[in-house]
Amino acid sequence: MDVYNFSTMFPEYIVYEPILTEKSYYLRKQNKYVFLVNPKANKIEIKKAVESVFNVKVASVNTMNVHGKPTRRRMIEGKKPDTKKAIVKLAEGQSIGIFEGI
């Protein structure tokens, strides 16, 4: 059984990268940001990681597990990896500066 202690891990191991799509762009108007996160991280760990990396106050975190789609190249069948997305809502008046220029 794998036991992960994320409280001692770096926040970069929890929050991988932002997801920049049309839907995530429109969510920014509601002060929500979408990130690709570690599948084994929970909401509390994601909240602490975003607060420490971007120096903002997080109001809430919603997570979803995304199952990988089946793929096929000629005769070889495979599957894309399962991922986890987090929609992070920031407190009033907070924003993440790297998204402002987009």
Protein backbone atom coordinates (compact mmCIF):
# COMPACT_ATOMS: atom_id res chain seq x y z
CA MET A 1 0.00 0.00 0.00
CA ASP A 2 1.42 3.37 -1.00
CA VAL A 3 1.37 6.04 1.66
CA TYR A 4 1.94 9.58 0.40
CA ASN A 5 2.61 12.38 2.82
CA PHE A 6 1.90 15.52 0.80
CA SER A 7 2.32 17.81 3.80
CA THR A 8 6.09 17.40 3.45
CA MET A 9 6.11 17.50 -0.36
CA PHE A 10 6.73 20.58 -2.42
CA PRO A 11 3.63 22.32 -3.81
CA GLU A 12 4.99 21.79 -7.33
CA TYR A 13 4.39 18.06 -6.85
CA ILE A 14 0.70 18.73 -6.20
CA VAL A 15 -0.19 21.46 -8.74
CA TYR A 16 1.25 20.52 -12.13
CA GLU A 17 0.05 23.14 -14.61
CA PRO A 18 -2.90 25.39 -15.46
CA ILE A 19 -5.47 24.19 -17.95
CA LEU A 20 -6.11 26.85 -20.59
CA THR A 21 -9.28 26.11 -22.55
CA GLU A 22 -12.31 28.15 -23.60
CA LYS A 23 -14.27 26.91 -20.63
CA SER A 24 -11.49 27.73 -18.17
CA TYR A 25 -11.18 31.19 -19.76
CA TYR A 26 -14.86 31.91 -19.05
CA LEU A 27 -14.53 30.56 -15.51
CA ARG A 28 -11.94 33.26 -14.80
CA LYS A 29 -14.74 35.85 -14.95
CA GLN A 30 -16.17 34.08 -11.88
CA ASN A 31 -12.71 34.22 -10.24
CA LYS A 32 -12.15 30.48 -10.79
CA TYR A 33 -8.96 28.89 -12.15
CA VAL A 34 -8.47 25.33 -13.45
CA PHE A 35 -5.34 23.30 -12.73
CA LEU A 36 -4.04 19.82 -13.52
CA VAL A 37 -3.15 18.29 -10.16
CA ASN A 38 -1.68 15.12 -8.67
CA PRO A 39 -4.35 12.38 -8.74
CA LYS A 40 -3.58 11.40 -5.14
CA ALA A 41 -3.88 14.93 -3.70
CA ASN A 42 -7.00 15.94 -1.80
CA LYS A 43 -8.77 19.31 -1.67
CA ILE A 44 -6.96 20.55 1.44
CA GLU A 45 -3.53 19.80 -0.05
CA ILE A 46 -4.50 21.47 -3.33
CA LYS A 47 -5.72 24.56 -1.46
CA LYS A 48 -2.48 24.87 0.51
CA ALA A 49 -0.35 24.35 -2.61
CA VAL A 50 -2.16 27.03 -4.64
CA GLU A 51 -2.01 29.48 -1.73
CA SER A 52 1.73 28.98 -1.28
CA VAL A 53 2.69 29.03 -4.98
CA PHE A 54 0.59 32.03 -6.08
CA ASN A 55 0.29 33.94 -2.75
CA VAL A 56 -3.50 34.16 -2.89
CA LYS A 57 -6.39 33.25 -0.58
CA VAL A 58 -8.45 30.28 -1.82
CA ALA A 59 -12.18 30.24 -1.04
CA SER A 60 -13.04 26.74 -2.33
CA VAL A 61 -11.72 23.81 -4.36
CA ASN A 62 -13.70 21.44 -6.58
CA THR A 63 -11.97 18.36 -7.98
CA MET A 64 -12.80 15.86 -10.68
CA ASN A 65 -11.17 12.66 -11.83
CA VAL A 66 -10.86 12.45 -15.60
CA HIS A 67 -10.59 8.94 -16.98
CA GLY A 68 -8.21 8.47 -19.90
CA LYS A 69 -9.73 7.82 -23.29
CA PRO A 70 -8.93 4.64 -25.21
CA THR A 71 -6.57 5.14 -28.12
CA ARG A 72 -5.50 3.02 -31.04
CA ARG A 73 -2.65 3.18 -33.51
CA ARG A 74 -3.13 0.61 -36.20
CA MET A 75 -3.26 -2.72 -34.36
CA ILE A 76 -2.02 -1.50 -30.99
CA GLU A 77 -4.66 -0.48 -28.47
CA GLY A 78 -3.84 1.65 -25.47
CA LYS A 79 -5.25 4.21 -23.09
CA LYS A 80 -4.37 7.78 -22.20
CA PRO A 81 -3.50 8.27 -18.52
CA ASP A 82 -6.11 9.14 -15.92
CA THR A 83 -5.79 12.70 -14.61
CA LYS A 84 -7.30 14.94 -11.97
CA LYS A 85 -8.48 18.52 -12.46
CA ALA A 86 -9.12 21.09 -9.76
CA ILE A 87 -11.29 24.20 -10.12
CA VAL A 88 -10.01 26.69 -7.56
CA LYS A 89 -12.19 29.64 -6.56
CA LEU A 90 -10.27 32.55 -5.10
CA ALA A 91 -11.50 34.92 -2.40
CA GLU A 92 -13.01 38.29 -3.40
CA GLY A 93 -10.45 40.70 -4.77
CA GLN A 94 -7.80 38.02 -5.34
CA SER A 95 -6.37 37.11 -8.75
CA ILE A 96 -3.44 35.18 -10.16
CA GLY A 97 -1.16 37.54 -12.07
CA ILE A 98 0.12 35.14 -14.74
CA PHE A 99 -3.41 34.78 -16.18
CA GLU A 100 -4.10 38.52 -16.49
CA GLY A 101 -2.20 38.93 -19.77
CA ILE A 102 -4.04 36.07 -21.49
